Amino acid sequence: MNPAQLPLHQQLVHLRSVLVRNKTLITVLTRAATLNLPNCLITISRDRDRDYDLVYYDSSDLSYEAEDKIIEAGRLLFEDLPVKVEIRNQARVHLWYGKKHGIHCAPHQSVEAGIDSWISTSAMIGIRLEDSGEWSIDPREGDEEPLGVEDEAGVEEAAAEDAK
């Protein structure tokens, strides 16, 4: 049976069983949790075997220095991995987005609102490792089949790369 035709709770079980085979993803999730970032999600896209976005929402300090401190901690935390992990505070995107892209960006009210505003709609899901060890899986809008796992082969390829 096509996993996209399963009831939602079974789709989530299937999705996790597929994603857990990607050892790099598991490492990124586990290490990201140690940063203790508020409202933190790892987004996974169709090219998930090469890049990860670690996004969080912290409006308590919108300074460049505060975000840069987190980015540097993440660089050290993930530098041995064969992937790029880009870290961004969605609460401060509006401060730099217009200058970089020439398009006005209103302040985001949540990490999810930040993701929903991305130009690319290839971010399929956001995953957070909760303190309890459980995964929170946040399907994002904009993808034609957010939980269909139509790209299961991509996860298999990433798992094969991890095994090398």
C-alpha atoms as a PDB file:
ATOM      1  CA  MET A   1       0.000   0.000   0.000  1.00  0.00           C
ATOM      2  CA  ASN A   2       1.108   3.536  -0.739  1.00  0.00           C
ATOM      3  CA  PRO A   3       2.078   5.125   2.629  1.00  0.00           C
ATOM      4  CA  ALA A   4       0.274   8.331   1.603  1.00  0.00           C
ATOM      5  CA  GLN A   5      -3.006   6.368   1.727  1.00  0.00           C
ATOM      6  CA  LEU A   6      -2.538   5.268   5.335  1.00  0.00           C
ATOM      7  CA  PRO A   7      -4.311   7.035   8.214  1.00  0.00           C
ATOM      8  CA  LEU A   8      -2.261  10.011   9.402  1.00  0.00           C
ATOM      9  CA  HIS A   9      -0.966   8.370  12.589  1.00  0.00           C
ATOM     10  CA  GLN A  10       0.269   5.398  10.534  1.00  0.00           C
ATOM     11  CA  GLN A  11       1.865   7.764   7.998  1.00  0.00           C
ATOM     12  CA  LEU A  12       3.826   9.336  10.847  1.00  0.00           C
ATOM     13  CA  VAL A  13       4.978   5.931  12.101  1.00  0.00           C
ATOM     14  CA  HIS A  14       6.038   4.996   8.564  1.00  0.00           C
ATOM     15  CA  LEU A  15       7.753   8.349   8.025  1.00  0.00           C
ATOM     16  CA  ARG A  16       9.770   7.988  11.214  1.00  0.00           C
ATOM     17  CA  SER A  17      10.753   4.406  10.267  1.00  0.00           C
ATOM     18  CA  VAL A  18      12.096   5.761   6.974  1.00  0.00           C
ATOM     19  CA  LEU A  19      13.828   8.810   8.443  1.00  0.00           C
ATOM     20  CA  VAL A  20      15.493   6.918  11.284  1.00  0.00           C
ATOM     21  CA  ARG A  21      17.586   5.105   8.660  1.00  0.00           C
ATOM     22  CA  ASN A  22      19.334   8.397   7.910  1.00  0.00           C
ATOM     23  CA  LYS A  23      22.036   8.364  10.591  1.00  0.00           C
ATOM     24  CA  THR A  24      23.143  11.891   9.731  1.00  0.00           C
ATOM     25  CA  LEU A  25      19.631  13.176  10.400  1.00  0.00           C
ATOM     26  CA  ILE A  26      19.556  11.384  13.748  1.00  0.00           C
ATOM     27  CA  THR A  27      22.920  12.920  14.644  1.00  0.00           C
ATOM     28  CA  VAL A  28      21.745  16.400  13.643  1.00  0.00           C
ATOM     29  CA  LEU A  29      18.531  16.012  15.661  1.00  0.00           C
ATOM     30  CA  THR A  30      20.344  14.730  18.739  1.00  0.00           C
ATOM     31  CA  ARG A  31      23.031  17.381  18.646  1.00  0.00           C
ATOM     32  CA  ALA A  32      20.565  20.181  17.875  1.00  0.00           C
ATOM     33  CA  ALA A  33      18.662  19.320  21.038  1.00  0.00           C
ATOM     34  CA  THR A  34      21.801  20.066  23.080  1.00  0.00           C
ATOM     35  CA  LEU A  35      21.711  23.693  21.915  1.00  0.00           C
ATOM     36  CA  ASN A  36      18.460  24.137  23.889  1.00  0.00           C
ATOM     37  CA  LEU A  37      17.046  26.556  21.334  1.00  0.00           C
ATOM     38  CA  PRO A  38      13.457  27.706  21.764  1.00  0.00           C
ATOM     39  CA  ASN A  39      10.941  26.466  19.214  1.00  0.00           C
ATOM     40  CA  CYS A  40      13.664  24.700  17.249  1.00  0.00           C
ATOM     41  CA  LEU A  41      12.940  22.610  14.143  1.00  0.00           C
ATOM     42  CA  ILE A  42      15.167  20.776  11.705  1.00  0.00           C
ATOM     43  CA  THR A  43      13.643  21.076   8.259  1.00  0.00           C
ATOM     44  CA  ILE A  44      14.034  18.317   5.749  1.00  0.00           C
ATOM     45  CA  SER A  45      13.715  18.960   2.057  1.00  0.00           C
ATOM     46  CA  ARG A  46      13.891  16.926  -1.103  1.00  0.00           C
ATOM     47  CA  ASP A  47      17.680  17.306  -1.087  1.00  0.00           C
ATOM     48  CA  ARG A  48      17.808  16.306   2.585  1.00  0.00           C
ATOM     49  CA  ASP A  49      20.974  14.286   2.254  1.00  0.00           C
ATOM     50  CA  ARG A  50      23.162  17.368   1.781  1.00  0.00           C
ATOM     51  CA  ASP A  51      21.707  20.305   3.726  1.00  0.00           C
ATOM     52  CA  TYR A  52      19.675  20.817   6.851  1.00  0.00           C
ATOM     53  CA  ASP A  53      18.101  23.986   8.154  1.00  0.00           C
ATOM     54  CA  LEU A  54      17.997  24.355  11.915  1.00  0.00           C
ATOM     55  CA  VAL A  55      15.518  27.122  12.594  1.00  0.00           C
ATOM     56  CA  TYR A  56      14.388  28.483  15.912  1.00  0.00           C
ATOM     57  CA  TYR A  57      12.343  31.382  17.244  1.00  0.00           C
ATOM     58  CA  ASP A  58      13.743  33.569  19.986  1.00  0.00           C
ATOM     59  CA  SER A  59      12.443  37.128  20.128  1.00  0.00           C
ATOM     60  CA  SER A  60      14.125  37.849  23.475  1.00  0.00           C
ATOM     61  CA  ASP A  61      17.327  39.111  21.802  1.00  0.00           C
ATOM     62  CA  LEU A  62      17.183  40.123  18.149  1.00  0.00           C
ATOM     63  CA  SER A  63      20.805  41.219  17.938  1.00  0.00           C
ATOM     64  CA  TYR A  64      23.147  39.909  15.293  1.00  0.00           C
ATOM     65  CA  GLU A  65      25.573  38.976  18.060  1.00  0.00           C
ATOM     66  CA  ALA A  66      23.053  36.697  19.809  1.00  0.00           C
ATOM     67  CA  GLU A  67      22.252  34.784  16.618  1.00  0.00           C
ATOM     68  CA  ASP A  68      25.897  34.664  15.583  1.00  0.00           C
ATOM     69  CA  LYS A  69      26.800  33.108  18.936  1.00  0.00           C
ATOM     70  CA  ILE A  70      24.302  30.298  18.229  1.00  0.00           C
ATOM     71  CA  ILE A  71      25.536  29.914  14.640  1.00  0.00           C
ATOM     72  CA  GLU A  72      29.132  29.568  15.852  1.00  0.00           C
ATOM     73  CA  ALA A  73      28.146  27.018  18.514  1.00  0.00           C
ATOM     74  CA  GLY A  74      26.340  25.071  15.794  1.00  0.00           C
ATOM     75  CA  ARG A  75      29.290  25.276  13.438  1.00  0.00           C
ATOM     76  CA  LEU A  76      31.484  23.651  16.072  1.00  0.00           C
ATOM     77  CA  LEU A  77      28.797  21.106  16.928  1.00  0.00           C
ATOM     78  CA  PHE A  78      28.203  19.981  13.340  1.00  0.00           C
ATOM     79  CA  GLU A  79      31.601  20.576  11.697  1.00  0.00           C
ATOM     80  CA  ASP A  80      32.494  16.865  11.552  1.00  0.00           C
ATOM     81  CA  LEU A  81      29.334  15.957   9.643  1.00  0.00           C
ATOM     82  CA  PRO A  82      29.260  15.505   5.854  1.00  0.00           C
ATOM     83  CA  VAL A  83      26.349  17.969   5.554  1.00  0.00           C
ATOM     84  CA  LYS A  84      25.781  21.685   5.920  1.00  0.00           C
ATOM     85  CA  VAL A  85      23.573  22.726   8.852  1.00  0.00           C
ATOM     86  CA  GLU A  86      22.392  26.316   8.453  1.00  0.00           C
ATOM     87  CA  ILE A  87      21.066  27.939  11.625  1.00  0.00           C
ATOM     88  CA  ARG A  88      18.682  30.908  11.598  1.00  0.00           C
ATOM     89  CA  ASN A  89      16.527  32.660  14.183  1.00  0.00           C
ATOM     90  CA  GLN A  90      13.204  33.206  12.431  1.00  0.00           C
ATOM     91  CA  ALA A  91      12.388  36.034  14.869  1.00  0.00           C
ATOM     92  CA  ARG A  92      15.072  38.243  13.292  1.00  0.00           C
ATOM     93  CA  VAL A  93      14.804  37.363   9.593  1.00  0.00           C
ATOM     94  CA  HIS A  94      12.922  40.598   8.882  1.00  0.00           C
ATOM     95  CA  LEU A  95      15.985  42.577  10.006  1.00  0.00           C
ATOM     96  CA  TRP A  96      18.211  41.332   7.146  1.00  0.00           C
ATOM     97  CA  TYR A  97      15.974  39.730   4.519  1.00  0.00           C
ATOM     98  CA  GLY A  98      15.050  42.902   2.619  1.00  0.00           C
ATOM     99  CA  LYS A  99      18.648  44.038   2.292  1.00  0.00           C
ATOM    100  CA  LYS A 100      19.810  40.613   1.112  1.00  0.00           C
ATOM    101  CA  HIS A 101      16.928  39.783  -1.261  1.00  0.00           C
ATOM    102  CA  GLY A 102      15.365  43.170  -2.068  1.00  0.00           C
ATOM    103  CA  ILE A 103      11.955  42.025  -0.842  1.00  0.00           C
ATOM    104  CA  HIS A 104      10.201  43.286   2.286  1.00  0.00           C
ATOM    105  CA  CYS A 105       9.729  40.651   4.970  1.00  0.00           C
ATOM    106  CA  ALA A 106       7.303  41.288   7.821  1.00  0.00           C
ATOM    107  CA  PRO A 107       8.360  40.024  11.254  1.00  0.00           C
ATOM    108  CA  HIS A 108       7.471  36.381  11.807  1.00  0.00           C
ATOM    109  CA  GLN A 109       5.423  35.428  14.831  1.00  0.00           C
ATOM    110  CA  SER A 110       6.664  31.832  15.070  1.00  0.00           C
ATOM    111  CA  VAL A 111       9.207  29.436  13.624  1.00  0.00           C
ATOM    112  CA  GLU A 112       6.416  27.836  11.578  1.00  0.00           C
ATOM    113  CA  ALA A 113       5.409  31.229  10.113  1.00  0.00           C
ATOM    114  CA  GLY A 114       9.034  31.755   9.129  1.00  0.00           C
ATOM    115  CA  ILE A 115       9.192  28.418   7.325  1.00  0.00           C
ATOM    116  CA  ASP A 116       5.877  29.074   5.597  1.00  0.00           C
ATOM    117  CA  SER A 117       7.318  32.291   4.128  1.00  0.00           C
ATOM    118  CA  TRP A 118      10.295  30.588   2.482  1.00  0.00           C
ATOM    119  CA  ILE A 119      10.518  31.110  -1.265  1.00  0.00           C
ATOM    120  CA  SER A 120      11.327  27.447  -1.755  1.00  0.00           C
ATOM    121  CA  THR A 121       8.532  25.036  -0.960  1.00  0.00           C
ATOM    122  CA  SER A 122      10.829  22.044  -0.894  1.00  0.00           C
ATOM    123  CA  ALA A 123      10.896  21.938   2.917  1.00  0.00           C
ATOM    124  CA  MET A 124       8.674  18.921   3.440  1.00  0.00           C
ATOM    125  CA  ILE A 125       8.628  18.673   7.208  1.00  0.00           C
ATOM    126  CA  GLY A 126      10.062  20.061  10.374  1.00  0.00           C
ATOM    127  CA  ILE A 127      11.245  17.716  13.116  1.00  0.00           C
ATOM    128  CA  ARG A 128      11.961  18.498  16.724  1.00  0.00           C
ATOM    129  CA  LEU A 129      13.408  16.140  19.315  1.00  0.00           C
ATOM    130  CA  GLU A 130      11.442  16.784  22.504  1.00  0.00           C
ATOM    131  CA  ASP A 131      12.935  16.573  26.011  1.00  0.00           C
ATOM    132  CA  SER A 132      11.063  13.285  26.418  1.00  0.00           C
ATOM    133  CA  GLY A 133      12.924  11.801  23.438  1.00  0.00           C
ATOM    134  CA  GLU A 134       9.772  11.832  21.304  1.00  0.00           C
ATOM    135  CA  TRP A 135       9.775  13.424  17.867  1.00  0.00           C
ATOM    136  CA  SER A 136       7.419  16.244  16.976  1.00  0.00           C
ATOM    137  CA  ILE A 137       6.801  16.146  13.242  1.00  0.00           C
ATOM    138  CA  ASP A 138       5.421  19.299  11.685  1.00  0.00           C
ATOM    139  CA  PRO A 139       4.199  18.895   8.095  1.00  0.00           C
ATOM    140  CA  ARG A 140       4.681  22.130   6.197  1.00  0.00           C
ATOM    141  CA  GLU A 141       2.297  23.578   3.658  1.00  0.00           C
ATOM    142  CA  GLY A 142       3.377  24.097   0.080  1.00  0.00           C
ATOM    143  CA  ASP A 143       4.599  20.606  -0.609  1.00  0.00           C
ATOM    144  CA  GLU A 144       2.309  18.587  -2.833  1.00  0.00           C
ATOM    145  CA  GLU A 145       2.667  15.445  -0.711  1.00  0.00           C
ATOM    146  CA  PRO A 146       4.046  16.507   2.682  1.00  0.00           C
ATOM    147  CA  LEU A 147       3.755  13.083   4.241  1.00  0.00           C
ATOM    148  CA  GLY A 148       3.548  10.919   1.166  1.00  0.00           C
ATOM    149  CA  VAL A 149       7.215   9.962   1.386  1.00  0.00           C
ATOM    150  CA  GLU A 150       7.216   9.829  -2.389  1.00  0.00           C
ATOM    151  CA  ASP A 151      10.947  10.469  -2.201  1.00  0.00           C
ATOM    152  CA  GLU A 152      11.716   7.468  -0.006  1.00  0.00           C
ATOM    153  CA  ALA A 153      14.564   6.609  -2.378  1.00  0.00           C
ATOM    154  CA  GLY A 154      16.257   9.871  -1.371  1.00  0.00           C
ATOM    155  CA  VAL A 155      16.229   8.770   2.263  1.00  0.00           C
ATOM    156  CA  GLU A 156      17.600   5.385   1.230  1.00  0.00           C
ATOM    157  CA  GLU A 157      20.416   7.131  -0.678  1.00  0.00           C
ATOM    158  CA  ALA A 158      21.213   9.265   2.376  1.00  0.00           C
ATOM    159  CA  ALA A 159      21.277   6.162   4.561  1.00  0.00           C
ATOM    160  CA  ALA A 160      23.650   4.485   2.079  1.00  0.00           C
ATOM    161  CA  GLU A 161      25.914   7.549   2.160  1.00  0.00           C
ATOM    162  CA  ASP A 162      25.905   7.399   5.971  1.00  0.00           C
ATOM    163  CA  ALA A 163      27.050   3.787   5.826  1.00  0.00           C
ATOM    164  CA  LYS A 164      30.162   4.698   3.796  1.00  0.00           C
END
